[in-house]
């Protein structure tokens, strides 16, 4: 029995092509569990894998999609049975292993997380890796002492996937949220998610000669990296932390060690790909309790498999707002 998938191929000239094709179950990689996929989403990594050159992909043909949610169809592992609702993020799915841009997926049971009660498979992909990463960042900041009332928390790239969910979670938890965006038209959107302050990107995306500036932010979730992260480190309050989750502004860090030595600032690296199972479960439970689902609905941009090539290009250009939810059966 065949089913639909977005398949990326590479021609003899090295050019990649992405389109919806029919594949069969025996073409899927080995694994303990077959999942009837219901929804996926679009992340920056997906854009790299879909786009010209294939980005992170090494072997073709390839099915991208680093996230998916759905229902267990068959399982050789006692932890899962047919009918269970599950979510998969990370583990290099969609990169070195076929991912969620298909109506069925076969994965090792260790990759799966049971979907918490109260979260639908559609909502799970409105969360996806971006929202999961945002929750990990919030948890890391809290684990390092961040509490409401200490001052504004800065979220860079606030209108993107990670930033949107981070803004909604922080506001729901009672934090004052300052959202950085380079798109003035997203200000109302960010305020609807709970941001109380909008910071124009040009105000903060260049390094300055002074290693320390006025203590402004109680903490920060940074999806940009580069010069903006360097600048923010010099503006964080004494003992505050920055959770680094992305590098949209570049992988370099033109900073000094002065904020770490004179203000005790912490730079926390957030990895969502290889997170241990227990912390994945902890994060998804927190998402169920701390992410207001009505705010999540406001972020959703619906799509289907046929929309993915265009969306892959758009996310690489920073043109995707909120969270794309891909109905793979639509």
C-alpha atoms as a PDB file:
ATOM      1  CA  UNK A   1       0.000   0.000   0.000  1.00  0.00           C
ATOM      2  CA  UNK A   2       1.415   3.356  -1.020  1.00  0.00           C
ATOM      3  CA  UNK A   3       1.059   6.754   0.669  1.00  0.00           C
ATOM      4  CA  UNK A   4       2.120  10.351   0.125  1.00  0.00           C
ATOM      5  CA  UNK A   5       5.449  11.867   1.122  1.00  0.00           C
ATOM      6  CA  UNK A   6       7.490  14.927   0.257  1.00  0.00           C
ATOM      7  CA  UNK A   7      10.562  13.427  -1.411  1.00  0.00           C
ATOM      8  CA  UNK A   8      13.751  15.370  -2.122  1.00  0.00           C
ATOM      9  CA  UNK A   9      15.905  14.020  -4.954  1.00  0.00           C
ATOM     10  CA  UNK A  10      19.235  15.146  -6.402  1.00  0.00           C
ATOM     11  CA  UNK A  11      19.944  15.111 -10.135  1.00  0.00           C
ATOM     12  CA  UNK A  12      23.212  14.399 -11.953  1.00  0.00           C
ATOM     13  CA  UNK A  13      24.117  18.077 -11.865  1.00  0.00           C
ATOM     14  CA  UNK A  14      23.828  18.190  -8.069  1.00  0.00           C
ATOM     15  CA  UNK A  15      20.575  20.140  -8.004  1.00  0.00           C
ATOM     16  CA  UNK A  16      17.846  19.088  -5.582  1.00  0.00           C
ATOM     17  CA  UNK A  17      14.159  18.824  -6.356  1.00  0.00           C
ATOM     18  CA  UNK A  18      11.306  18.435  -3.856  1.00  0.00           C
ATOM     19  CA  UNK A  19       7.833  17.162  -4.662  1.00  0.00           C
ATOM     20  CA  UNK A  20       5.019  14.987  -3.344  1.00  0.00           C
ATOM     21  CA  UNK A  21       5.428  11.345  -4.391  1.00  0.00           C
ATOM     22  CA  UNK A  22       3.977   7.961  -3.489  1.00  0.00           C
ATOM     23  CA  UNK A  23       6.163   5.680  -1.361  1.00  0.00           C
ATOM     24  CA  UNK A  24       5.576   2.338   0.376  1.00  0.00           C
ATOM     25  CA  UNK A  25       6.096   1.034   3.899  1.00  0.00           C
ATOM     26  CA  UNK A  26       9.051  -1.150   2.895  1.00  0.00           C
ATOM     27  CA  UNK A  27      10.936   1.981   1.793  1.00  0.00           C
ATOM     28  CA  UNK A  28      10.859   3.421   5.323  1.00  0.00           C
ATOM     29  CA  UNK A  29      13.933   3.052   7.566  1.00  0.00           C
ATOM     30  CA  UNK A  30      14.114   0.358  10.218  1.00  0.00           C
ATOM     31  CA  UNK A  31      12.454   0.955  13.587  1.00  0.00           C
ATOM     32  CA  UNK A  32      10.294  -0.522  16.332  1.00  0.00           C
ATOM     33  CA  UNK A  33       7.191   1.577  15.802  1.00  0.00           C
ATOM     34  CA  UNK A  34       5.147   2.584  12.752  1.00  0.00           C
ATOM     35  CA  UNK A  35       3.240   5.816  13.259  1.00  0.00           C
ATOM     36  CA  UNK A  36       0.332   7.063  11.168  1.00  0.00           C
ATOM     37  CA  UNK A  37       1.517  10.655  10.880  1.00  0.00           C
ATOM     38  CA  UNK A  38      -1.136  13.342  11.256  1.00  0.00           C
ATOM     39  CA  UNK A  39       0.803  16.608  11.455  1.00  0.00           C
ATOM     40  CA  UNK A  40       4.293  17.999  10.996  1.00  0.00           C
ATOM     41  CA  UNK A  41       5.709  21.517  10.929  1.00  0.00           C
ATOM     42  CA  UNK A  42       8.423  23.678   9.343  1.00  0.00           C
ATOM     43  CA  UNK A  43      11.692  24.566  11.076  1.00  0.00           C
ATOM     44  CA  UNK A  44      14.814  26.309   9.832  1.00  0.00           C
ATOM     45  CA  UNK A  45      16.514  22.914   9.484  1.00  0.00           C
ATOM     46  CA  UNK A  46      13.617  21.725   7.325  1.00  0.00           C
ATOM     47  CA  UNK A  47      14.178  24.685   5.034  1.00  0.00           C
ATOM     48  CA  UNK A  48      17.831  23.694   4.693  1.00  0.00           C
ATOM     49  CA  UNK A  49      16.905  20.085   3.887  1.00  0.00           C
ATOM     50  CA  UNK A  50      14.229  21.015   1.337  1.00  0.00           C
ATOM     51  CA  UNK A  51      16.145  23.838  -0.320  1.00  0.00           C
ATOM     52  CA  UNK A  52      18.777  23.929  -3.039  1.00  0.00           C
ATOM     53  CA  UNK A  53      21.803  21.818  -2.219  1.00  0.00           C
ATOM     54  CA  UNK A  54      19.952  19.816   0.428  1.00  0.00           C
ATOM     55  CA  UNK A  55      21.679  21.477   3.367  1.00  0.00           C
ATOM     56  CA  UNK A  56      22.015  18.806   6.045  1.00  0.00           C
ATOM     57  CA  UNK A  57      21.050  15.831   3.848  1.00  0.00           C
ATOM     58  CA  UNK A  58      23.706  13.314   2.822  1.00  0.00           C
ATOM     59  CA  UNK A  59      21.758  10.555   1.068  1.00  0.00           C
ATOM     60  CA  UNK A  60      19.004  10.747  -1.559  1.00  0.00           C
ATOM     61  CA  UNK A  61      16.132  10.264  -2.098  1.00  0.00           C
ATOM     62  CA  UNK A  62      15.178  11.803   1.228  1.00  0.00           C
ATOM     63  CA  UNK A  63      12.024  12.580   3.200  1.00  0.00           C
ATOM     64  CA  UNK A  64      12.570  15.697   5.404  1.00  0.00           C
ATOM     65  CA  UNK A  65      10.567  16.749   8.455  1.00  0.00           C
ATOM     66  CA  UNK A  66      12.328  16.902  11.830  1.00  0.00           C
ATOM     67  CA  UNK A  67       9.031  16.802  13.782  1.00  0.00           C
ATOM     68  CA  UNK A  68       5.804  14.859  13.598  1.00  0.00           C
ATOM     69  CA  UNK A  69       2.837  13.791  15.684  1.00  0.00           C
ATOM     70  CA  UNK A  70       0.365  11.003  15.124  1.00  0.00           C
ATOM     71  CA  UNK A  71      -1.047   7.661  16.231  1.00  0.00           C
ATOM     72  CA  UNK A  72       0.866   4.423  16.742  1.00  0.00           C
ATOM     73  CA  UNK A  73      -0.144   1.907  14.072  1.00  0.00           C
ATOM     74  CA  UNK A  74       2.114  -1.042  14.993  1.00  0.00           C
ATOM     75  CA  UNK A  75       4.697  -1.473  17.741  1.00  0.00           C
ATOM     76  CA  UNK A  76       7.339  -4.044  18.634  1.00  0.00           C
ATOM     77  CA  UNK A  77       8.089  -2.199  21.881  1.00  0.00           C
ATOM     78  CA  UNK A  78       6.055  -2.770  25.056  1.00  0.00           C
ATOM     79  CA  UNK A  79       5.990   0.953  25.863  1.00  0.00           C
ATOM     80  CA  UNK A  80       3.677   1.710  22.939  1.00  0.00           C
ATOM     81  CA  UNK A  81       0.560   0.108  21.557  1.00  0.00           C
ATOM     82  CA  UNK A  82      -1.682   0.809  18.559  1.00  0.00           C
ATOM     83  CA  UNK A  83      -3.808   3.888  19.186  1.00  0.00           C
ATOM     84  CA  UNK A  84      -1.294   5.704  21.392  1.00  0.00           C
ATOM     85  CA  UNK A  85      -0.815   9.378  20.550  1.00  0.00           C
ATOM     86  CA  UNK A  86       2.866  10.278  20.230  1.00  0.00           C
ATOM     87  CA  UNK A  87       5.175  13.133  19.263  1.00  0.00           C
ATOM     88  CA  UNK A  88       8.696  13.060  17.829  1.00  0.00           C
ATOM     89  CA  UNK A  89      11.180  15.941  17.792  1.00  0.00           C
ATOM     90  CA  UNK A  90      14.924  15.873  17.277  1.00  0.00           C
ATOM     91  CA  UNK A  91      17.180  12.816  17.075  1.00  0.00           C
ATOM     92  CA  UNK A  92      18.266  14.142  13.637  1.00  0.00           C
ATOM     93  CA  UNK A  93      14.982  13.006  12.137  1.00  0.00           C
ATOM     94  CA  UNK A  94      14.532  14.550   8.711  1.00  0.00           C
ATOM     95  CA  UNK A  95      18.310  15.050   8.447  1.00  0.00           C
ATOM     96  CA  UNK A  96      20.172  11.729   8.443  1.00  0.00           C
ATOM     97  CA  UNK A  97      16.980   9.712   8.779  1.00  0.00           C
ATOM     98  CA  UNK A  98      13.671   9.968   6.915  1.00  0.00           C
ATOM     99  CA  UNK A  99      11.322  12.272   8.798  1.00  0.00           C
ATOM    100  CA  UNK A 100       7.761  13.406   9.207  1.00  0.00           C
ATOM    101  CA  UNK A 101       6.822  14.765   5.769  1.00  0.00           C
ATOM    102  CA  UNK A 102       4.956  11.550   4.980  1.00  0.00           C
ATOM    103  CA  UNK A 103       1.694   9.905   5.943  1.00  0.00           C
ATOM    104  CA  UNK A 104       3.586   7.140   7.751  1.00  0.00           C
ATOM    105  CA  UNK A 105       6.902   6.984   9.606  1.00  0.00           C
ATOM    106  CA  UNK A 106       8.885   4.168  11.203  1.00  0.00           C
ATOM    107  CA  UNK A 107      11.156   5.073  14.119  1.00  0.00           C
ATOM    108  CA  UNK A 108      12.970   3.574  17.116  1.00  0.00           C
ATOM    109  CA  UNK A 109      10.701   3.579  20.175  1.00  0.00           C
ATOM    110  CA  UNK A 110      13.285   5.629  22.090  1.00  0.00           C
ATOM    111  CA  UNK A 111      12.545   8.582  19.785  1.00  0.00           C
ATOM    112  CA  UNK A 112       8.903   8.790  20.847  1.00  0.00           C
ATOM    113  CA  UNK A 113       7.328  10.783  23.670  1.00  0.00           C
ATOM    114  CA  UNK A 114       3.747  10.019  24.768  1.00  0.00           C
ATOM    115  CA  UNK A 115       1.580  13.031  24.054  1.00  0.00           C
ATOM    116  CA  UNK A 116       0.378  14.526  27.363  1.00  0.00           C
ATOM    117  CA  UNK A 117      -3.356  14.579  27.959  1.00  0.00           C
ATOM    118  CA  UNK A 118      -4.940  17.814  26.880  1.00  0.00           C
ATOM    119  CA  UNK A 119      -2.639  18.343  23.878  1.00  0.00           C
ATOM    120  CA  UNK A 120      -3.928  17.273  20.466  1.00  0.00           C
ATOM    121  CA  UNK A 121      -1.651  16.061  17.677  1.00  0.00           C
ATOM    122  CA  UNK A 122      -2.329  19.327  15.837  1.00  0.00           C
ATOM    123  CA  UNK A 123      -1.397  21.417  18.861  1.00  0.00           C
ATOM    124  CA  UNK A 124       1.719  19.289  19.337  1.00  0.00           C
ATOM    125  CA  UNK A 125       2.969  20.399  15.932  1.00  0.00           C
ATOM    126  CA  UNK A 126       2.017  23.996  16.576  1.00  0.00           C
ATOM    127  CA  UNK A 127       4.520  23.483  19.404  1.00  0.00           C
ATOM    128  CA  UNK A 128       7.024  21.279  17.520  1.00  0.00           C
ATOM    129  CA  UNK A 129      10.777  21.556  17.946  1.00  0.00           C
ATOM    130  CA  UNK A 130      10.481  25.351  18.126  1.00  0.00           C
ATOM    131  CA  UNK A 131       8.064  25.309  21.058  1.00  0.00           C
ATOM    132  CA  UNK A 132       9.854  22.399  22.719  1.00  0.00           C
ATOM    133  CA  UNK A 133      13.092  24.394  22.499  1.00  0.00           C
ATOM    134  CA  UNK A 134      11.355  27.468  23.918  1.00  0.00           C
ATOM    135  CA  UNK A 135      10.137  25.438  26.895  1.00  0.00           C
ATOM    136  CA  UNK A 136      13.621  23.999  27.474  1.00  0.00           C
ATOM    137  CA  UNK A 137      14.970  27.565  27.470  1.00  0.00           C
ATOM    138  CA  UNK A 138      12.387  28.771  29.998  1.00  0.00           C
ATOM    139  CA  UNK A 139      13.150  25.772  32.227  1.00  0.00           C
ATOM    140  CA  UNK A 140      16.900  26.458  32.026  1.00  0.00           C
ATOM    141  CA  UNK A 141      16.425  30.128  32.965  1.00  0.00           C
ATOM    142  CA  UNK A 142      14.233  29.129  35.906  1.00  0.00           C
ATOM    143  CA  UNK A 143      16.726  26.472  36.990  1.00  0.00           C
ATOM    144  CA  UNK A 144      19.295  29.306  37.155  1.00  0.00           C
ATOM    145  CA  UNK A 145      17.134  31.498  39.352  1.00  0.00           C
ATOM    146  CA  UNK A 146      14.879  33.503  37.043  1.00  0.00           C
ATOM    147  CA  UNK A 147      11.575  34.472  38.649  1.00  0.00           C
ATOM    148  CA  UNK A 148       8.783  36.910  37.751  1.00  0.00           C
ATOM    149  CA  UNK A 149       9.267  40.373  39.177  1.00  0.00           C
ATOM    150  CA  UNK A 150      13.016  40.582  38.543  1.00  0.00           C
ATOM    151  CA  UNK A 151      12.609  42.744  35.451  1.00  0.00           C
ATOM    152  CA  UNK A 152      11.897  42.280  31.752  1.00  0.00           C
ATOM    153  CA  UNK A 153      12.947  39.101  29.939  1.00  0.00           C
ATOM    154  CA  UNK A 154      14.200  39.710  26.403  1.00  0.00           C
ATOM    155  CA  UNK A 155      13.170  37.382  23.564  1.00  0.00           C
ATOM    156  CA  UNK A 156      15.089  37.866  20.315  1.00  0.00           C
ATOM    157  CA  UNK A 157      13.606  36.765  17.006  1.00  0.00           C
ATOM    158  CA  UNK A 158      10.346  37.044  18.881  1.00  0.00           C
ATOM    159  CA  UNK A 159       7.986  36.647  15.908  1.00  0.00           C
ATOM    160  CA  UNK A 160       9.609  33.392  14.794  1.00  0.00           C
ATOM    161  CA  UNK A 161       8.677  29.908  15.944  1.00  0.00           C
ATOM    162  CA  UNK A 162      10.797  29.698  19.095  1.00  0.00           C
ATOM    163  CA  UNK A 163      10.228  33.337  19.955  1.00  0.00           C
ATOM    164  CA  UNK A 164       6.453  33.195  19.572  1.00  0.00           C
ATOM    165  CA  UNK A 165       6.077  30.245  21.938  1.00  0.00           C
ATOM    166  CA  UNK A 166       8.636  31.626  24.392  1.00  0.00           C
ATOM    167  CA  UNK A 167       6.773  34.951  24.516  1.00  0.00           C
ATOM    168  CA  UNK A 168       3.442  33.228  25.192  1.00  0.00           C
ATOM    169  CA  UNK A 169       4.876  30.945  27.895  1.00  0.00           C
ATOM    170  CA  UNK A 170       6.777  33.695  29.713  1.00  0.00           C
ATOM    171  CA  UNK A 171       3.791  36.049  29.671  1.00  0.00           C
ATOM    172  CA  UNK A 172       1.505  33.275  30.960  1.00  0.00           C
ATOM    173  CA  UNK A 173       3.935  32.630  33.828  1.00  0.00           C
ATOM    174  CA  UNK A 174       3.816  36.307  34.835  1.00  0.00           C
ATOM    175  CA  UNK A 175       7.045  37.608  33.315  1.00  0.00           C
ATOM    176  CA  UNK A 176       7.368  40.994  31.667  1.00  0.00           C
ATOM    177  CA  UNK A 177       8.400  40.175  28.091  1.00  0.00           C
ATOM    178  CA  UNK A 178      10.327  42.405  25.673  1.00  0.00           C
ATOM    179  CA  UNK A 179      10.217  41.090  22.120  1.00  0.00           C
ATOM    180  CA  UNK A 180      12.888  41.900  19.537  1.00  0.00           C
ATOM    181  CA  UNK A 181      11.745  41.930  15.922  1.00  0.00           C
ATOM    182  CA  UNK A 182      12.974  43.292  12.629  1.00  0.00           C
ATOM    183  CA  UNK A 183       9.447  43.304  11.241  1.00  0.00           C
ATOM    184  CA  UNK A 184       7.460  46.266  12.634  1.00  0.00           C
ATOM    185  CA  UNK A 185       4.238  44.756  11.274  1.00  0.00           C
ATOM    186  CA  UNK A 186       4.518  41.921  13.828  1.00  0.00           C
ATOM    187  CA  UNK A 187       4.243  44.250  16.848  1.00  0.00           C
ATOM    188  CA  UNK A 188       0.502  43.704  17.317  1.00  0.00           C
ATOM    189  CA  UNK A 189       0.969  39.943  16.955  1.00  0.00           C
ATOM    190  CA  UNK A 190       3.644  39.915  19.669  1.00  0.00           C
ATOM    191  CA  UNK A 191       1.492  42.037  21.969  1.00  0.00           C
ATOM    192  CA  UNK A 192      -1.365  39.576  21.464  1.00  0.00           C
ATOM    193  CA  UNK A 193       0.962  36.840  22.739  1.00  0.00           C
ATOM    194  CA  UNK A 194       1.735  38.873  25.855  1.00  0.00           C
ATOM    195  CA  UNK A 195       4.763  41.007  25.001  1.00  0.00           C
ATOM    196  CA  UNK A 196       4.647  44.313  26.873  1.00  0.00           C
ATOM    197  CA  UNK A 197       7.588  45.917  25.068  1.00  0.00           C
ATOM    198  CA  UNK A 198       8.686  45.799  21.415  1.00  0.00           C
ATOM    199  CA  UNK A 199      12.384  46.320  20.680  1.00  0.00           C
ATOM    200  CA  UNK A 200      13.377  47.138  17.102  1.00  0.00           C
ATOM    201  CA  UNK A 201      16.126  44.845  15.857  1.00  0.00           C
ATOM    202  CA  UNK A 202      18.303  47.723  14.701  1.00  0.00           C
ATOM    203  CA  UNK A 203      18.482  48.993  18.287  1.00  0.00           C
ATOM    204  CA  UNK A 204      20.277  45.904  19.492  1.00  0.00           C
ATOM    205  CA  UNK A 205      21.873  44.018  16.598  1.00  0.00           C
ATOM    206  CA  UNK A 206      25.232  45.753  16.542  1.00  0.00           C
ATOM    207  CA  UNK A 207      28.107  45.321  18.928  1.00  0.00           C
ATOM    208  CA  UNK A 208      29.403  48.336  20.828  1.00  0.00           C
ATOM    209  CA  UNK A 209      32.856  49.077  22.184  1.00  0.00           C
ATOM    210  CA  UNK A 210      31.661  48.999  25.787  1.00  0.00           C
ATOM    211  CA  UNK A 211      31.664  45.422  27.149  1.00  0.00           C
ATOM    212  CA  UNK A 212      29.047  46.392  29.739  1.00  0.00           C
ATOM    213  CA  UNK A 213      25.984  48.609  29.347  1.00  0.00           C
ATOM    214  CA  UNK A 214      23.140  49.439  31.725  1.00  0.00           C
ATOM    215  CA  UNK A 215      21.680  46.395  33.478  1.00  0.00           C
ATOM    216  CA  UNK A 216      18.406  46.045  31.584  1.00  0.00           C
ATOM    217  CA  UNK A 217      17.279  42.428  31.201  1.00  0.00           C
ATOM    218  CA  UNK A 218      16.585  39.889  33.950  1.00  0.00           C
ATOM    219  CA  UNK A 219      17.159  37.150  31.382  1.00  0.00           C
ATOM    220  CA  UNK A 220      17.013  36.429  27.679  1.00  0.00           C
ATOM    221  CA  UNK A 221      16.002  33.718  25.241  1.00  0.00           C
ATOM    222  CA  UNK A 222      18.147  34.319  22.169  1.00  0.00           C
ATOM    223  CA  UNK A 223      17.378  32.770  18.779  1.00  0.00           C
ATOM    224  CA  UNK A 224      19.712  35.039  16.818  1.00  0.00           C
ATOM    225  CA  UNK A 225      23.285  34.641  18.063  1.00  0.00           C
ATOM    226  CA  UNK A 226      26.066  36.674  16.473  1.00  0.00           C
ATOM    227  CA  UNK A 227      26.418  40.357  17.227  1.00  0.00           C
ATOM    228  CA  UNK A 228      23.009  40.592  18.876  1.00  0.00           C
ATOM    229  CA  UNK A 229      23.856  37.939  21.457  1.00  0.00           C
ATOM    230  CA  UNK A 230      27.155  39.674  22.175  1.00  0.00           C
ATOM    231  CA  UNK A 231      25.341  42.959  22.737  1.00  0.00           C
ATOM    232  CA  UNK A 232      22.690  41.397  24.984  1.00  0.00           C
ATOM    233  CA  UNK A 233      25.294  39.777  27.236  1.00  0.00           C
ATOM    234  CA  UNK A 234      26.474  43.265  28.186  1.00  0.00           C
ATOM    235  CA  UNK A 235      22.932  44.344  29.098  1.00  0.00           C
ATOM    236  CA  UNK A 236      21.898  41.446  31.351  1.00  0.00           C
ATOM    237  CA  UNK A 237      21.444  42.151  35.043  1.00  0.00           C
ATOM    238  CA  UNK A 238      23.865  40.821  37.642  1.00  0.00           C
ATOM    239  CA  UNK A 239      23.568  37.025  37.928  1.00  0.00           C
ATOM    240  CA  UNK A 240      21.150  36.829  35.023  1.00  0.00           C
ATOM    241  CA  UNK A 241      21.200  34.227  32.287  1.00  0.00           C
ATOM    242  CA  UNK A 242      20.879  34.058  28.513  1.00  0.00           C
ATOM    243  CA  UNK A 243      19.543  30.855  26.954  1.00  0.00           C
ATOM    244  CA  UNK A 244      21.042  30.512  23.471  1.00  0.00           C
ATOM    245  CA  UNK A 245      18.775  28.561  21.130  1.00  0.00           C
ATOM    246  CA  UNK A 246      19.676  29.645  17.588  1.00  0.00           C
ATOM    247  CA  UNK A 247      22.041  31.320  15.161  1.00  0.00           C
ATOM    248  CA  UNK A 248      19.884  33.149  12.639  1.00  0.00           C
ATOM    249  CA  UNK A 249      22.285  36.102  12.939  1.00  0.00           C
ATOM    250  CA  UNK A 250      25.432  34.018  12.599  1.00  0.00           C
ATOM    251  CA  UNK A 251      27.502  31.458  14.486  1.00  0.00           C
ATOM    252  CA  UNK A 252      30.204  33.886  15.559  1.00  0.00           C
ATOM    253  CA  UNK A 253      30.171  35.532  18.977  1.00  0.00           C
ATOM    254  CA  UNK A 254      32.102  38.844  18.951  1.00  0.00           C
ATOM    255  CA  UNK A 255      31.956  39.230  22.728  1.00  0.00           C
ATOM    256  CA  UNK A 256      34.292  39.627  25.695  1.00  0.00           C
ATOM    257  CA  UNK A 257      34.372  37.650  28.928  1.00  0.00           C
ATOM    258  CA  UNK A 258      33.686  40.811  30.973  1.00  0.00           C
ATOM    259  CA  UNK A 259      29.911  40.156  31.508  1.00  0.00           C
ATOM    260  CA  UNK A 260      30.750  36.703  32.884  1.00  0.00           C
ATOM    261  CA  UNK A 261      33.486  37.959  35.195  1.00  0.00           C
ATOM    262  CA  UNK A 262      32.039  41.232  36.469  1.00  0.00           C
ATOM    263  CA  UNK A 263      28.315  40.464  36.476  1.00  0.00           C
ATOM    264  CA  UNK A 264      28.235  36.707  36.861  1.00  0.00           C
ATOM    265  CA  UNK A 265      26.155  36.379  33.696  1.00  0.00           C
ATOM    266  CA  UNK A 266      25.405  32.815  32.563  1.00  0.00           C
ATOM    267  CA  UNK A 267      25.291  31.730  28.918  1.00  0.00           C
ATOM    268  CA  UNK A 268      23.168  28.588  28.707  1.00  0.00           C
ATOM    269  CA  UNK A 269      23.314  26.395  25.618  1.00  0.00           C
ATOM    270  CA  UNK A 270      19.965  24.805  24.721  1.00  0.00           C
ATOM    271  CA  UNK A 271      20.022  21.614  22.650  1.00  0.00           C
ATOM    272  CA  UNK A 272      16.691  20.113  21.640  1.00  0.00           C
ATOM    273  CA  UNK A 273      18.001  17.336  19.387  1.00  0.00           C
ATOM    274  CA  UNK A 274      19.613  14.880  21.809  1.00  0.00           C
ATOM    275  CA  UNK A 275      17.728  15.764  25.000  1.00  0.00           C
ATOM    276  CA  UNK A 276      17.399  12.819  27.429  1.00  0.00           C
ATOM    277  CA  UNK A 277      13.984  11.176  27.570  1.00  0.00           C
ATOM    278  CA  UNK A 278      13.151  12.288  31.122  1.00  0.00           C
ATOM    279  CA  UNK A 279      13.744  15.953  30.306  1.00  0.00           C
ATOM    280  CA  UNK A 280      11.655  15.605  27.138  1.00  0.00           C
ATOM    281  CA  UNK A 281       8.751  14.303  29.203  1.00  0.00           C
ATOM    282  CA  UNK A 282       9.259  17.094  31.753  1.00  0.00           C
ATOM    283  CA  UNK A 283       9.236  19.735  29.013  1.00  0.00           C
ATOM    284  CA  UNK A 284       6.118  18.395  27.287  1.00  0.00           C
ATOM    285  CA  UNK A 285       4.284  18.279  30.622  1.00  0.00           C
ATOM    286  CA  UNK A 286       5.255  21.897  31.258  1.00  0.00           C
ATOM    287  CA  UNK A 287       4.027  22.796  27.768  1.00  0.00           C
ATOM    288  CA  UNK A 288       0.679  21.233  28.645  1.00  0.00           C
ATOM    289  CA  UNK A 289       0.381  23.375  31.784  1.00  0.00           C
ATOM    290  CA  UNK A 290       2.217  26.605  30.905  1.00  0.00           C
ATOM    291  CA  UNK A 291       1.497  27.309  27.240  1.00  0.00           C
ATOM    292  CA  UNK A 292      -1.963  28.869  26.820  1.00  0.00           C
ATOM    293  CA  UNK A 293      -3.552  26.927  23.978  1.00  0.00           C
ATOM    294  CA  UNK A 294      -5.638  29.897  22.841  1.00  0.00           C
ATOM    295  CA  UNK A 295      -2.383  31.773  22.190  1.00  0.00           C
ATOM    296  CA  UNK A 296      -1.032  28.746  20.371  1.00  0.00           C
ATOM    297  CA  UNK A 297      -3.999  28.829  17.988  1.00  0.00           C
ATOM    298  CA  UNK A 298      -3.144  32.440  17.082  1.00  0.00           C
ATOM    299  CA  UNK A 299       0.303  31.340  15.894  1.00  0.00           C
ATOM    300  CA  UNK A 300      -0.861  28.627  13.479  1.00  0.00           C
ATOM    301  CA  UNK A 301      -0.380  28.918   9.739  1.00  0.00           C
ATOM    302  CA  UNK A 302      -1.983  25.834   8.097  1.00  0.00           C
ATOM    303  CA  UNK A 303      -0.262  24.001   5.249  1.00  0.00           C
ATOM    304  CA  UNK A 304      -0.117  20.669   3.425  1.00  0.00           C
ATOM    305  CA  UNK A 305       2.669  18.618   1.840  1.00  0.00           C
ATOM    306  CA  UNK A 306       2.429  20.483  -1.457  1.00  0.00           C
ATOM    307  CA  UNK A 307       3.108  23.816   0.267  1.00  0.00           C
ATOM    308  CA  UNK A 308       6.424  22.706   1.747  1.00  0.00           C
ATOM    309  CA  UNK A 309       8.880  23.647  -1.032  1.00  0.00           C
ATOM    310  CA  UNK A 310       7.706  27.277  -0.918  1.00  0.00           C
ATOM    311  CA  UNK A 311       7.607  27.323   2.883  1.00  0.00           C
ATOM    312  CA  UNK A 312      11.127  25.874   3.054  1.00  0.00           C
ATOM    313  CA  UNK A 313      12.413  28.797   1.016  1.00  0.00           C
ATOM    314  CA  UNK A 314      10.390  31.307   3.030  1.00  0.00           C
ATOM    315  CA  UNK A 315      11.661  30.216   6.442  1.00  0.00           C
ATOM    316  CA  UNK A 316      15.275  30.537   5.280  1.00  0.00           C
ATOM    317  CA  UNK A 317      14.502  34.163   4.386  1.00  0.00           C
ATOM    318  CA  UNK A 318      12.906  34.874   7.769  1.00  0.00           C
ATOM    319  CA  UNK A 319       9.480  35.245   6.156  1.00  0.00           C
ATOM    320  CA  UNK A 320       7.516  32.762   8.277  1.00  0.00           C
ATOM    321  CA  UNK A 321       5.575  34.135  11.257  1.00  0.00           C
ATOM    322  CA  UNK A 322       4.481  31.934  14.136  1.00  0.00           C
ATOM    323  CA  UNK A 323       4.074  28.194  13.647  1.00  0.00           C
ATOM    324  CA  UNK A 324       3.344  26.335  10.428  1.00  0.00           C
ATOM    325  CA  UNK A 325       1.218  23.214  11.003  1.00  0.00           C
ATOM    326  CA  UNK A 326       1.393  20.761   8.116  1.00  0.00           C
ATOM    327  CA  UNK A 327      -1.578  18.438   7.677  1.00  0.00           C
ATOM    328  CA  UNK A 328       0.164  15.552   5.880  1.00  0.00           C
ATOM    329  CA  UNK A 329      -3.207  14.038   4.990  1.00  0.00           C
ATOM    330  CA  UNK A 330      -4.685  17.294   3.690  1.00  0.00           C
END
